[in-house]
Amino acid sequence: MAATVHPIAANGFAAGASMYRIARPDYPKSAVHHLLSRSRPAESTPLTILEIGSGTGIFTKHLLSLPAQTRVICLEPNLGMRALAEQDLGSGSNGVSLEFISNPEATASNIPLPDNSVDRIYNAQAFHWYANLDALREMRRVLKPGGVLGLIWNMEDPDTPWVRAIRTMYEEFEQGTPQYRLGLWKRVWQEPEAGELFEVPLNERTFRHEQTCVGGIEAIWRRVQTKSYISVLAEEERAALREKVLKVLEGYDVKLNADGNVEYPYTTDVFLTNVKK
């Protein structure tokens, strides 16, 4: 079943694709290793991996570290983001092939791949936008028996006072979008059919870490404006929010490294499940 992309995601990420690529954080090696550990089988059969919502390729590049002959397929509905990923990553490296689905109708609920054709599906910073049974059915359809579904999210750590302060400010603009932090995406896993498609509950693990945010305090604002709901604000409204955020940060001791770059505290949540036997 075809499904449209959430308008805030479609418009916000289209407007801010270039900034997203520059300002969004990477994922910690420990979390990536945990997520991909099920993608390093003992057998020699090459794997086919699908990444849904691959964006500008921030997570995708980690898939290029998998064993040679791995085939990685990226499904990203946003043309601007997909173009940047193709520009940066090309057709793969280290013996790992990389393909980008160009079908304009492709979404998590409309995957243009055959039944039982994929060994692993990964969703980085994306599943909350399409957490519904149509998407679960479609992912189950293309996964092979024993296939793995992995979800990963970076979140600014609110246990740090300055992070909590600015999150309170910019999260007021979420406009009812199903943000990961709200946990709305978990509801689909409570549906009886979800348990018929995948193993539930999901295996969950959290990693705490710091990400270097290049550019000093101003770089914090650049990261804020990569939020889809901030990207779609009118220019004047966005400028006013920037001023408020930077003003608030003046009252906090934001940790900087020797190069004057921000050490931004994050948590990274990883969820794993398998196709139901």
C-alpha atoms as a PDB file:
ATOM      1  CA  MET A   1       0.000   0.000   0.000  1.00  0.00           C
ATOM      2  CA  ALA A   2       1.423   3.387  -0.991  1.00  0.00           C
ATOM      3  CA  ALA A   3       1.608   6.091   1.638  1.00  0.00           C
ATOM      4  CA  THR A   4       2.549   9.726   1.516  1.00  0.00           C
ATOM      5  CA  VAL A   5       5.404  11.202   3.512  1.00  0.00           C
ATOM      6  CA  HIS A   6       4.407  13.374   6.487  1.00  0.00           C
ATOM      7  CA  PRO A   7       4.230  16.971   5.157  1.00  0.00           C
ATOM      8  CA  ILE A   8       6.461  18.396   7.900  1.00  0.00           C
ATOM      9  CA  ALA A   9       9.091  15.768   7.138  1.00  0.00           C
ATOM     10  CA  ALA A  10       8.757  16.284   3.386  1.00  0.00           C
ATOM     11  CA  ASN A  11       8.941  20.077   3.510  1.00  0.00           C
ATOM     12  CA  GLY A  12      11.277  20.481   6.467  1.00  0.00           C
ATOM     13  CA  PHE A  13      13.941  18.097   5.262  1.00  0.00           C
ATOM     14  CA  ALA A  14      13.659  19.360   1.697  1.00  0.00           C
ATOM     15  CA  ALA A  15      14.346  22.894   2.910  1.00  0.00           C
ATOM     16  CA  GLY A  16      17.191  21.903   5.194  1.00  0.00           C
ATOM     17  CA  ALA A  17      18.928  18.988   3.464  1.00  0.00           C
ATOM     18  CA  SER A  18      22.308  20.695   3.100  1.00  0.00           C
ATOM     19  CA  MET A  19      22.338  21.919   6.697  1.00  0.00           C
ATOM     20  CA  TYR A  20      21.204  18.489   7.868  1.00  0.00           C
ATOM     21  CA  ARG A  21      24.222  16.861   6.247  1.00  0.00           C
ATOM     22  CA  ILE A  22      26.598  19.357   7.870  1.00  0.00           C
ATOM     23  CA  ALA A  23      25.081  19.803  11.326  1.00  0.00           C
ATOM     24  CA  ARG A  24      23.442  16.526  12.345  1.00  0.00           C
ATOM     25  CA  PRO A  25      25.458  14.253  14.654  1.00  0.00           C
ATOM     26  CA  ASP A  26      26.991  10.931  13.752  1.00  0.00           C
ATOM     27  CA  TYR A  27      26.238   7.746  15.697  1.00  0.00           C
ATOM     28  CA  PRO A  28      28.661   6.414  18.341  1.00  0.00           C
ATOM     29  CA  LYS A  29      30.751   3.433  17.307  1.00  0.00           C
ATOM     30  CA  SER A  30      29.477   1.351  20.224  1.00  0.00           C
ATOM     31  CA  ALA A  31      25.841   1.791  19.163  1.00  0.00           C
ATOM     32  CA  VAL A  32      26.614   1.131  15.504  1.00  0.00           C
ATOM     33  CA  HIS A  33      28.547  -2.012  16.386  1.00  0.00           C
ATOM     34  CA  HIS A  34      25.654  -3.267  18.501  1.00  0.00           C
ATOM     35  CA  LEU A  35      23.151  -2.564  15.734  1.00  0.00           C
ATOM     36  CA  LEU A  36      25.242  -4.127  12.972  1.00  0.00           C
ATOM     37  CA  SER A  37      26.443  -7.109  14.984  1.00  0.00           C
ATOM     38  CA  ARG A  38      23.625  -9.145  13.498  1.00  0.00           C
ATOM     39  CA  SER A  39      24.860  -8.171  10.033  1.00  0.00           C
ATOM     40  CA  ARG A  40      28.148 -10.025  10.368  1.00  0.00           C
ATOM     41  CA  PRO A  41      27.079 -13.661   9.956  1.00  0.00           C
ATOM     42  CA  ALA A  42      29.482 -16.576  10.255  1.00  0.00           C
ATOM     43  CA  GLU A  43      28.358 -17.929   6.911  1.00  0.00           C
ATOM     44  CA  SER A  44      29.895 -16.532   3.732  1.00  0.00           C
ATOM     45  CA  THR A  45      26.635 -15.716   1.939  1.00  0.00           C
ATOM     46  CA  PRO A  46      26.620 -11.989   1.065  1.00  0.00           C
ATOM     47  CA  LEU A  47      23.879  -9.965   2.725  1.00  0.00           C
ATOM     48  CA  THR A  48      21.367  -7.593   1.181  1.00  0.00           C
ATOM     49  CA  ILE A  49      20.557  -4.662   3.456  1.00  0.00           C
ATOM     50  CA  LEU A  50      17.805  -2.083   3.056  1.00  0.00           C
ATOM     51  CA  GLU A  51      18.014   1.270   4.800  1.00  0.00           C
ATOM     52  CA  ILE A  52      14.702   3.127   4.944  1.00  0.00           C
ATOM     53  CA  GLY A  53      14.803   6.884   5.439  1.00  0.00           C
ATOM     54  CA  SER A  54      18.509   6.972   4.604  1.00  0.00           C
ATOM     55  CA  GLY A  55      18.549  10.767   4.372  1.00  0.00           C
ATOM     56  CA  THR A  56      21.902  12.330   3.538  1.00  0.00           C
ATOM     57  CA  GLY A  57      23.785   9.121   4.361  1.00  0.00           C
ATOM     58  CA  ILE A  58      24.925   9.823   7.925  1.00  0.00           C
ATOM     59  CA  PHE A  59      24.159   6.261   9.002  1.00  0.00           C
ATOM     60  CA  THR A  60      24.596   4.759   5.530  1.00  0.00           C
ATOM     61  CA  LYS A  61      28.350   5.282   5.566  1.00  0.00           C
ATOM     62  CA  HIS A  62      28.604   2.869   8.494  1.00  0.00           C
ATOM     63  CA  LEU A  63      27.072   0.157   6.326  1.00  0.00           C
ATOM     64  CA  LEU A  64      30.047   0.489   3.985  1.00  0.00           C
ATOM     65  CA  SER A  65      32.197  -1.083   6.718  1.00  0.00           C
ATOM     66  CA  LEU A  66      30.336  -4.381   6.408  1.00  0.00           C
ATOM     67  CA  PRO A  67      31.997  -7.357   4.686  1.00  0.00           C
ATOM     68  CA  ALA A  68      32.760  -7.159   0.981  1.00  0.00           C
ATOM     69  CA  GLN A  69      29.947  -8.252  -1.347  1.00  0.00           C
ATOM     70  CA  THR A  70      27.310  -6.827   0.990  1.00  0.00           C
ATOM     71  CA  ARG A  71      24.618  -5.106  -1.053  1.00  0.00           C
ATOM     72  CA  VAL A  72      23.123  -1.956   0.492  1.00  0.00           C
ATOM     73  CA  ILE A  73      19.908  -0.451  -0.886  1.00  0.00           C
ATOM     74  CA  CYS A  74      18.774   3.001   0.250  1.00  0.00           C
ATOM     75  CA  LEU A  75      15.164   4.156   0.221  1.00  0.00           C
ATOM     76  CA  GLU A  76      14.911   7.920   0.751  1.00  0.00           C
ATOM     77  CA  PRO A  77      11.770   9.704  -0.510  1.00  0.00           C
ATOM     78  CA  ASN A  78      13.345  13.162  -0.206  1.00  0.00           C
ATOM     79  CA  LEU A  79      15.061  13.909  -3.507  1.00  0.00           C
ATOM     80  CA  GLY A  80      17.375  16.583  -2.084  1.00  0.00           C
ATOM     81  CA  MET A  81      18.630  14.373   0.718  1.00  0.00           C
ATOM     82  CA  ARG A  82      19.047  11.409  -1.595  1.00  0.00           C
ATOM     83  CA  ALA A  83      21.042  13.488  -4.080  1.00  0.00           C
ATOM     84  CA  LEU A  84      23.470  14.569  -1.359  1.00  0.00           C
ATOM     85  CA  ALA A  85      23.954  10.972  -0.218  1.00  0.00           C
ATOM     86  CA  GLU A  86      24.599   9.822  -3.780  1.00  0.00           C
ATOM     87  CA  GLN A  87      27.070  12.662  -4.235  1.00  0.00           C
ATOM     88  CA  ASP A  88      28.965  11.771  -1.058  1.00  0.00           C
ATOM     89  CA  LEU A  89      28.822   7.974  -1.154  1.00  0.00           C
ATOM     90  CA  GLY A  90      28.545   7.082  -4.833  1.00  0.00           C
ATOM     91  CA  SER A  91      28.062   3.409  -5.589  1.00  0.00           C
ATOM     92  CA  GLY A  92      29.773   2.177  -2.439  1.00  0.00           C
ATOM     93  CA  SER A  93      33.289   1.285  -1.326  1.00  0.00           C
ATOM     94  CA  ASN A  94      35.393  -1.445   0.285  1.00  0.00           C
ATOM     95  CA  GLY A  95      33.627  -4.060  -1.805  1.00  0.00           C
ATOM     96  CA  VAL A  96      30.183  -3.038  -0.521  1.00  0.00           C
ATOM     97  CA  SER A  97      27.783  -2.012  -3.286  1.00  0.00           C
ATOM     98  CA  LEU A  98      25.391   0.888  -2.727  1.00  0.00           C
ATOM     99  CA  GLU A  99      22.159   1.519  -4.619  1.00  0.00           C
ATOM    100  CA  PHE A 100      19.563   4.270  -4.289  1.00  0.00           C
ATOM    101  CA  ILE A 101      15.909   3.604  -5.080  1.00  0.00           C
ATOM    102  CA  SER A 102      14.769   6.355  -7.444  1.00  0.00           C
ATOM    103  CA  ASN A 103      11.095   5.357  -7.656  1.00  0.00           C
ATOM    104  CA  PRO A 104       9.217   8.531  -6.566  1.00  0.00           C
ATOM    105  CA  GLU A 105       6.420   6.414  -5.070  1.00  0.00           C
ATOM    106  CA  ALA A 106       8.748   4.453  -2.788  1.00  0.00           C
ATOM    107  CA  THR A 107       8.073   4.747   0.945  1.00  0.00           C
ATOM    108  CA  ALA A 108       8.255   2.456   3.952  1.00  0.00           C
ATOM    109  CA  SER A 109       4.731   1.315   3.059  1.00  0.00           C
ATOM    110  CA  ASN A 110       5.557   0.842  -0.619  1.00  0.00           C
ATOM    111  CA  ILE A 111       8.951  -0.822  -0.998  1.00  0.00           C
ATOM    112  CA  PRO A 112       9.706  -1.637  -4.657  1.00  0.00           C
ATOM    113  CA  LEU A 113      11.550  -4.873  -3.902  1.00  0.00           C
ATOM    114  CA  PRO A 114      10.502  -8.529  -4.249  1.00  0.00           C
ATOM    115  CA  ASP A 115       9.198 -10.679  -1.408  1.00  0.00           C
ATOM    116  CA  ASN A 116      11.877 -12.275   0.803  1.00  0.00           C
ATOM    117  CA  SER A 117      14.694 -10.337  -0.867  1.00  0.00           C
ATOM    118  CA  VAL A 118      16.353  -8.531   2.061  1.00  0.00           C
ATOM    119  CA  ASP A 119      18.346  -9.890   5.012  1.00  0.00           C
ATOM    120  CA  ARG A 120      18.348  -6.771   7.193  1.00  0.00           C
ATOM    121  CA  ILE A 121      16.387  -3.514   7.356  1.00  0.00           C
ATOM    122  CA  TYR A 122      17.717  -0.495   9.228  1.00  0.00           C
ATOM    123  CA  ASN A 123      15.920   2.743  10.069  1.00  0.00           C
ATOM    124  CA  ALA A 124      18.090   5.565  11.436  1.00  0.00           C
ATOM    125  CA  GLN A 125      16.342   8.601  12.895  1.00  0.00           C
ATOM    126  CA  ALA A 126      13.274   7.792  10.798  1.00  0.00           C
ATOM    127  CA  PHE A 127      10.857   5.097  12.000  1.00  0.00           C
ATOM    128  CA  HIS A 128       8.745   7.498  14.086  1.00  0.00           C
ATOM    129  CA  TRP A 129       7.535   9.104  10.834  1.00  0.00           C
ATOM    130  CA  TYR A 130       5.967   5.885   9.534  1.00  0.00           C
ATOM    131  CA  ALA A 131       5.255   3.769  12.617  1.00  0.00           C
ATOM    132  CA  ASN A 132       2.166   1.993  11.303  1.00  0.00           C
ATOM    133  CA  LEU A 133       1.038  -1.504  10.398  1.00  0.00           C
ATOM    134  CA  ASP A 134       1.269  -0.848   6.663  1.00  0.00           C
ATOM    135  CA  ALA A 135       4.994  -0.199   7.049  1.00  0.00           C
ATOM    136  CA  LEU A 136       5.503  -3.232   9.302  1.00  0.00           C
ATOM    137  CA  ARG A 137       3.657  -5.458   6.835  1.00  0.00           C
ATOM    138  CA  GLU A 138       5.750  -4.168   3.952  1.00  0.00           C
ATOM    139  CA  MET A 139       9.040  -4.567   5.798  1.00  0.00           C
ATOM    140  CA  ARG A 140       8.056  -8.092   6.794  1.00  0.00           C
ATOM    141  CA  ARG A 141       7.150  -8.849   3.175  1.00  0.00           C
ATOM    142  CA  VAL A 142      10.606  -8.005   1.813  1.00  0.00           C
ATOM    143  CA  LEU A 143      12.569  -9.539   4.705  1.00  0.00           C
ATOM    144  CA  LYS A 144      13.771 -13.095   4.369  1.00  0.00           C
ATOM    145  CA  PRO A 145      12.964 -15.678   7.057  1.00  0.00           C
ATOM    146  CA  GLY A 146      15.145 -14.886  10.057  1.00  0.00           C
ATOM    147  CA  GLY A 147      15.556 -11.302   8.857  1.00  0.00           C
ATOM    148  CA  VAL A 148      16.499  -8.483  11.236  1.00  0.00           C
ATOM    149  CA  LEU A 149      14.829  -5.107  11.721  1.00  0.00           C
ATOM    150  CA  GLY A 150      16.916  -2.441  13.462  1.00  0.00           C
ATOM    151  CA  LEU A 151      15.970   1.054  14.638  1.00  0.00           C
ATOM    152  CA  ILE A 152      18.348   3.728  15.940  1.00  0.00           C
ATOM    153  CA  TRP A 153      17.848   7.274  17.218  1.00  0.00           C
ATOM    154  CA  ASN A 154      20.158  10.009  18.485  1.00  0.00           C
ATOM    155  CA  MET A 155      18.623  12.322  21.088  1.00  0.00           C
ATOM    156  CA  GLU A 156      20.058  15.385  22.791  1.00  0.00           C
ATOM    157  CA  ASP A 157      20.560  14.391  26.433  1.00  0.00           C
ATOM    158  CA  PRO A 158      18.170  16.417  28.661  1.00  0.00           C
ATOM    159  CA  ASP A 159      20.120  15.476  31.796  1.00  0.00           C
ATOM    160  CA  THR A 160      22.486  18.307  30.843  1.00  0.00           C
ATOM    161  CA  PRO A 161      20.911  21.626  31.969  1.00  0.00           C
ATOM    162  CA  TRP A 162      21.666  23.700  28.857  1.00  0.00           C
ATOM    163  CA  VAL A 163      20.388  20.945  26.589  1.00  0.00           C
ATOM    164  CA  ARG A 164      17.173  20.710  28.598  1.00  0.00           C
ATOM    165  CA  ALA A 165      16.748  24.496  28.472  1.00  0.00           C
ATOM    166  CA  ILE A 166      16.986  24.839  24.701  1.00  0.00           C
ATOM    167  CA  ARG A 167      14.968  21.683  24.032  1.00  0.00           C
ATOM    168  CA  THR A 168      12.136  23.209  26.038  1.00  0.00           C
ATOM    169  CA  MET A 169      12.310  26.223  23.735  1.00  0.00           C
ATOM    170  CA  TYR A 170      12.422  24.587  20.325  1.00  0.00           C
ATOM    171  CA  GLU A 171      10.172  21.604  21.048  1.00  0.00           C
ATOM    172  CA  GLU A 172       7.284  24.052  21.423  1.00  0.00           C
ATOM    173  CA  PHE A 173       7.316  24.254  17.614  1.00  0.00           C
ATOM    174  CA  GLU A 174       6.792  20.541  16.942  1.00  0.00           C
ATOM    175  CA  GLN A 175       3.328  21.235  15.501  1.00  0.00           C
ATOM    176  CA  GLY A 176       1.889  17.901  16.568  1.00  0.00           C
ATOM    177  CA  THR A 177       4.458  15.863  14.648  1.00  0.00           C
ATOM    178  CA  PRO A 178       5.107  12.310  15.902  1.00  0.00           C
ATOM    179  CA  GLN A 179       8.570  13.009  17.291  1.00  0.00           C
ATOM    180  CA  TYR A 180      10.589  10.077  18.592  1.00  0.00           C
ATOM    181  CA  ARG A 181      10.796  11.513  22.114  1.00  0.00           C
ATOM    182  CA  LEU A 182       7.005  11.297  22.496  1.00  0.00           C
ATOM    183  CA  GLY A 183       7.050   7.524  22.170  1.00  0.00           C
ATOM    184  CA  LEU A 184       4.051   7.452  19.831  1.00  0.00           C
ATOM    185  CA  TRP A 185       5.975   5.121  17.529  1.00  0.00           C
ATOM    186  CA  LYS A 186       5.784   2.402  20.199  1.00  0.00           C
ATOM    187  CA  ARG A 187       2.018   2.079  19.863  1.00  0.00           C
ATOM    188  CA  VAL A 188       2.220   0.062  16.656  1.00  0.00           C
ATOM    189  CA  TRP A 189       4.232  -2.594  18.478  1.00  0.00           C
ATOM    190  CA  GLN A 190       1.321  -3.085  20.875  1.00  0.00           C
ATOM    191  CA  GLU A 191      -0.935  -4.137  18.006  1.00  0.00           C
ATOM    192  CA  PRO A 192      -1.565  -7.908  17.952  1.00  0.00           C
ATOM    193  CA  GLU A 193      -0.598  -8.070  14.277  1.00  0.00           C
ATOM    194  CA  ALA A 194       2.821  -6.556  15.014  1.00  0.00           C
ATOM    195  CA  GLY A 195       3.553  -9.559  17.206  1.00  0.00           C
ATOM    196  CA  GLU A 196       2.580 -11.852  14.352  1.00  0.00           C
ATOM    197  CA  LEU A 197       5.054 -10.139  12.021  1.00  0.00           C
ATOM    198  CA  PHE A 198       8.041  -9.564  14.333  1.00  0.00           C
ATOM    199  CA  GLU A 199       9.371 -10.730  17.673  1.00  0.00           C
ATOM    200  CA  VAL A 200       8.121  -8.480  20.479  1.00  0.00           C
ATOM    201  CA  PRO A 201       9.072  -6.834  22.722  1.00  0.00           C
ATOM    202  CA  LEU A 202      11.962  -5.259  20.869  1.00  0.00           C
ATOM    203  CA  ASN A 203      15.467  -5.659  22.236  1.00  0.00           C
ATOM    204  CA  GLU A 204      16.436  -2.202  23.542  1.00  0.00           C
ATOM    205  CA  ARG A 205      19.764  -0.669  24.517  1.00  0.00           C
ATOM    206  CA  THR A 206      20.846   2.926  25.234  1.00  0.00           C
ATOM    207  CA  PHE A 207      24.293   4.452  24.731  1.00  0.00           C
ATOM    208  CA  ARG A 208      25.382   7.747  26.307  1.00  0.00           C
ATOM    209  CA  HIS A 209      28.084   9.764  24.585  1.00  0.00           C
ATOM    210  CA  GLU A 210      29.257  13.185  23.465  1.00  0.00           C
ATOM    211  CA  GLN A 211      29.440  14.359  19.868  1.00  0.00           C
ATOM    212  CA  THR A 212      31.822  17.116  18.813  1.00  0.00           C
ATOM    213  CA  CYS A 213      29.809  19.964  17.334  1.00  0.00           C
ATOM    214  CA  VAL A 214      32.216  22.007  15.194  1.00  0.00           C
ATOM    215  CA  GLY A 215      31.841  25.774  15.268  1.00  0.00           C
ATOM    216  CA  GLY A 216      31.345  26.780  18.880  1.00  0.00           C
ATOM    217  CA  ILE A 217      28.042  27.968  20.344  1.00  0.00           C
ATOM    218  CA  GLU A 218      26.671  28.997  16.945  1.00  0.00           C
ATOM    219  CA  ALA A 219      26.963  25.363  15.876  1.00  0.00           C
ATOM    220  CA  ILE A 220      24.346  24.456  18.480  1.00  0.00           C
ATOM    221  CA  TRP A 221      21.850  26.635  16.653  1.00  0.00           C
ATOM    222  CA  ARG A 222      22.785  25.068  13.318  1.00  0.00           C
ATOM    223  CA  ARG A 223      21.925  21.698  14.780  1.00  0.00           C
ATOM    224  CA  VAL A 224      18.607  23.010  16.126  1.00  0.00           C
ATOM    225  CA  GLN A 225      17.545  24.313  12.737  1.00  0.00           C
ATOM    226  CA  THR A 226      17.953  20.881  11.164  1.00  0.00           C
ATOM    227  CA  LYS A 227      14.784  19.867  12.996  1.00  0.00           C
ATOM    228  CA  SER A 228      12.115  19.471  10.330  1.00  0.00           C
ATOM    229  CA  TYR A 229       9.611  21.587  12.243  1.00  0.00           C
ATOM    230  CA  ILE A 230      12.175  24.388  12.647  1.00  0.00           C
ATOM    231  CA  SER A 231      13.143  24.323   8.964  1.00  0.00           C
ATOM    232  CA  VAL A 232       9.552  25.055   7.917  1.00  0.00           C
ATOM    233  CA  LEU A 233       9.195  28.136  10.138  1.00  0.00           C
ATOM    234  CA  ALA A 234       8.989  31.551   8.527  1.00  0.00           C
ATOM    235  CA  GLU A 235      12.390  33.237   8.335  1.00  0.00           C
ATOM    236  CA  GLU A 236      11.459  35.908  10.894  1.00  0.00           C
ATOM    237  CA  GLU A 237      10.184  33.317  13.364  1.00  0.00           C
ATOM    238  CA  ARG A 238      13.293  31.212  12.932  1.00  0.00           C
ATOM    239  CA  ALA A 239      15.532  34.258  13.449  1.00  0.00           C
ATOM    240  CA  ALA A 240      13.686  35.151  16.649  1.00  0.00           C
ATOM    241  CA  LEU A 241      14.102  31.619  17.978  1.00  0.00           C
ATOM    242  CA  ARG A 242      17.808  31.678  17.132  1.00  0.00           C
ATOM    243  CA  GLU A 243      18.245  34.861  19.154  1.00  0.00           C
ATOM    244  CA  LYS A 244      16.428  33.352  22.136  1.00  0.00           C
ATOM    245  CA  VAL A 245      18.405  30.106  22.022  1.00  0.00           C
ATOM    246  CA  LEU A 246      21.769  31.860  21.859  1.00  0.00           C
ATOM    247  CA  LYS A 247      20.717  34.230  24.640  1.00  0.00           C
ATOM    248  CA  VAL A 248      19.748  31.354  26.920  1.00  0.00           C
ATOM    249  CA  LEU A 249      23.038  29.564  26.219  1.00  0.00           C
ATOM    250  CA  GLU A 250      24.933  32.587  27.546  1.00  0.00           C
ATOM    251  CA  GLY A 251      23.733  31.618  31.016  1.00  0.00           C
ATOM    252  CA  TYR A 252      25.229  28.133  30.924  1.00  0.00           C
ATOM    253  CA  ASP A 253      28.705  26.656  31.043  1.00  0.00           C
ATOM    254  CA  VAL A 254      28.623  24.815  27.730  1.00  0.00           C
ATOM    255  CA  LYS A 255      31.480  22.321  27.500  1.00  0.00           C
ATOM    256  CA  LEU A 256      33.989  23.209  24.777  1.00  0.00           C
ATOM    257  CA  ASN A 257      37.031  21.198  23.740  1.00  0.00           C
ATOM    258  CA  ALA A 258      40.532  22.573  23.150  1.00  0.00           C
ATOM    259  CA  ASP A 259      39.543  23.637  19.633  1.00  0.00           C
ATOM    260  CA  GLY A 260      36.552  25.634  20.850  1.00  0.00           C
ATOM    261  CA  ASN A 261      34.035  23.096  19.585  1.00  0.00           C
ATOM    262  CA  VAL A 262      31.013  22.020  21.620  1.00  0.00           C
ATOM    263  CA  GLU A 263      30.962  18.571  23.201  1.00  0.00           C
ATOM    264  CA  TYR A 264      27.252  17.908  22.743  1.00  0.00           C
ATOM    265  CA  PRO A 265      25.824  15.246  25.116  1.00  0.00           C
ATOM    266  CA  TYR A 266      23.589  12.626  23.507  1.00  0.00           C
ATOM    267  CA  THR A 267      21.837   9.371  24.159  1.00  0.00           C
ATOM    268  CA  THR A 268      21.501   6.861  21.339  1.00  0.00           C
ATOM    269  CA  ASP A 269      18.722   4.286  21.526  1.00  0.00           C
ATOM    270  CA  VAL A 270      18.956   1.054  19.546  1.00  0.00           C
ATOM    271  CA  PHE A 271      16.084  -1.388  19.031  1.00  0.00           C
ATOM    272  CA  LEU A 272      16.361  -4.788  17.368  1.00  0.00           C
ATOM    273  CA  THR A 273      13.908  -7.491  16.444  1.00  0.00           C
ATOM    274  CA  ASN A 274      13.632 -10.462  14.117  1.00  0.00           C
ATOM    275  CA  VAL A 275      11.006 -11.670  11.727  1.00  0.00           C
ATOM    276  CA  LYS A 276       8.528 -13.876  13.591  1.00  0.00           C
ATOM    277  CA  LYS A 277       9.232 -17.541  12.969  1.00  0.00           C
END
